[in-house]
Amino acid sequence: MCSKGTNCTFAHEKNELRDKPNLFKTKLCPEFERGYCRNGNTCKFAHGEKDLRSTSDFFKTALCLKW
């Protein structure tokens, strides 16, 4: 049994499951930081802080293993 109850970041039932978040451009591109990204506009990472976006939608995207 999960001891975290409603504070658990994982779903305890299938109906609590949410879609996985869109992580597109939520992290800086390691290649771009080294000077050149070969993927250009198709890169899934941000090329500088102006392209960086955030998401807070990380909760309940997987079932709790302790439930």
C-alpha atoms as a PDB file:
ATOM      1  CA  MET A   1       0.000   0.000   0.000  1.00  0.00           C
ATOM      2  CA  CYS A   2       1.282   3.449  -0.867  1.00  0.00           C
ATOM      3  CA  SER A   3       1.861   5.538   2.244  1.00  0.00           C
ATOM      4  CA  LYS A   4       1.588   8.868   0.363  1.00  0.00           C
ATOM      5  CA  GLY A   5      -2.131   8.607  -0.352  1.00  0.00           C
ATOM      6  CA  THR A   6      -3.486  11.629  -2.245  1.00  0.00           C
ATOM      7  CA  ASN A   7      -0.038  13.294  -2.097  1.00  0.00           C
ATOM      8  CA  CYS A   8       1.430  10.560  -4.311  1.00  0.00           C
ATOM      9  CA  THR A   9       2.514  11.846  -7.736  1.00  0.00           C
ATOM     10  CA  PHE A  10       1.540   8.512  -9.321  1.00  0.00           C
ATOM     11  CA  ALA A  11      -1.963   7.325 -10.197  1.00  0.00           C
ATOM     12  CA  HIS A  12      -3.575   4.767  -7.894  1.00  0.00           C
ATOM     13  CA  GLU A  13      -6.273   3.782 -10.386  1.00  0.00           C
ATOM     14  CA  LYS A  14      -6.377   3.677 -14.180  1.00  0.00           C
ATOM     15  CA  ASN A  15      -9.021   6.412 -14.286  1.00  0.00           C
ATOM     16  CA  GLU A  16      -6.524   8.801 -12.581  1.00  0.00           C
ATOM     17  CA  LEU A  17      -3.961   8.362 -15.368  1.00  0.00           C
ATOM     18  CA  ARG A  18      -3.215  11.467 -17.416  1.00  0.00           C
ATOM     19  CA  ASP A  19      -1.489  11.862 -20.758  1.00  0.00           C
ATOM     20  CA  LYS A  20       2.276  12.249 -20.666  1.00  0.00           C
ATOM     21  CA  PRO A  21       3.352  15.908 -20.853  1.00  0.00           C
ATOM     22  CA  ASN A  22       4.676  17.530 -24.004  1.00  0.00           C
ATOM     23  CA  LEU A  23       8.383  17.951 -23.254  1.00  0.00           C
ATOM     24  CA  PHE A  24       9.205  19.645 -26.582  1.00  0.00           C
ATOM     25  CA  LYS A  25      11.802  22.394 -25.968  1.00  0.00           C
ATOM     26  CA  THR A  26      11.700  22.060 -22.156  1.00  0.00           C
ATOM     27  CA  LYS A  27      15.465  21.438 -21.990  1.00  0.00           C
ATOM     28  CA  LEU A  28      18.404  23.214 -23.614  1.00  0.00           C
ATOM     29  CA  CYS A  29      19.991  21.438 -26.595  1.00  0.00           C
ATOM     30  CA  PRO A  30      23.385  19.974 -25.614  1.00  0.00           C
ATOM     31  CA  GLU A  31      24.665  20.251 -29.202  1.00  0.00           C
ATOM     32  CA  PHE A  32      23.578  23.894 -29.468  1.00  0.00           C
ATOM     33  CA  GLU A  33      25.354  24.651 -26.188  1.00  0.00           C
ATOM     34  CA  ARG A  34      28.563  23.199 -27.683  1.00  0.00           C
ATOM     35  CA  GLY A  35      28.223  25.566 -30.627  1.00  0.00           C
ATOM     36  CA  TYR A  36      26.237  23.832 -33.384  1.00  0.00           C
ATOM     37  CA  CYS A  37      23.101  21.687 -33.583  1.00  0.00           C
ATOM     38  CA  ARG A  38      22.884  19.529 -36.703  1.00  0.00           C
ATOM     39  CA  ASN A  39      19.098  19.160 -36.303  1.00  0.00           C
ATOM     40  CA  GLY A  40      18.312  22.855 -36.771  1.00  0.00           C
ATOM     41  CA  ASN A  41      14.585  23.691 -36.743  1.00  0.00           C
ATOM     42  CA  THR A  42      13.593  20.029 -36.279  1.00  0.00           C
ATOM     43  CA  CYS A  43      15.465  19.746 -32.963  1.00  0.00           C
ATOM     44  CA  LYS A  44      13.241  18.810 -30.017  1.00  0.00           C
ATOM     45  CA  PHE A  45      15.425  20.829 -27.633  1.00  0.00           C
ATOM     46  CA  ALA A  46      15.495  24.596 -27.026  1.00  0.00           C
ATOM     47  CA  HIS A  47      18.180  26.658 -28.745  1.00  0.00           C
ATOM     48  CA  GLY A  48      18.691  29.319 -26.094  1.00  0.00           C
ATOM     49  CA  GLU A  49      16.601  30.581 -23.219  1.00  0.00           C
ATOM     50  CA  LYS A  50      14.161  32.409 -25.527  1.00  0.00           C
ATOM     51  CA  ASP A  51      13.041  29.025 -26.979  1.00  0.00           C
ATOM     52  CA  LEU A  52      12.842  27.312 -23.587  1.00  0.00           C
ATOM     53  CA  ARG A  53       9.360  26.474 -22.364  1.00  0.00           C
ATOM     54  CA  SER A  54       8.102  24.883 -19.165  1.00  0.00           C
ATOM     55  CA  THR A  55       5.368  22.498 -18.142  1.00  0.00           C
ATOM     56  CA  SER A  56       4.065  21.559 -14.724  1.00  0.00           C
ATOM     57  CA  ASP A  57       2.027  18.617 -16.005  1.00  0.00           C
ATOM     58  CA  PHE A  58       4.100  15.727 -14.630  1.00  0.00           C
ATOM     59  CA  PHE A  59       1.704  14.200 -12.112  1.00  0.00           C
ATOM     60  CA  LYS A  60      -0.224  10.955 -12.420  1.00  0.00           C
ATOM     61  CA  THR A  61       1.216   9.857 -15.785  1.00  0.00           C
ATOM     62  CA  ALA A  62       2.046   6.350 -14.488  1.00  0.00           C
ATOM     63  CA  LEU A  63       0.534   3.920 -12.022  1.00  0.00           C
ATOM     64  CA  CYS A  64       2.019   3.814  -8.504  1.00  0.00           C
ATOM     65  CA  LEU A  65       4.037   0.624  -8.008  1.00  0.00           C
ATOM     66  CA  LYS A  66       3.252   0.588  -4.284  1.00  0.00           C
ATOM     67  CA  TRP A  67      -0.527   0.834  -4.604  1.00  0.00           C
END
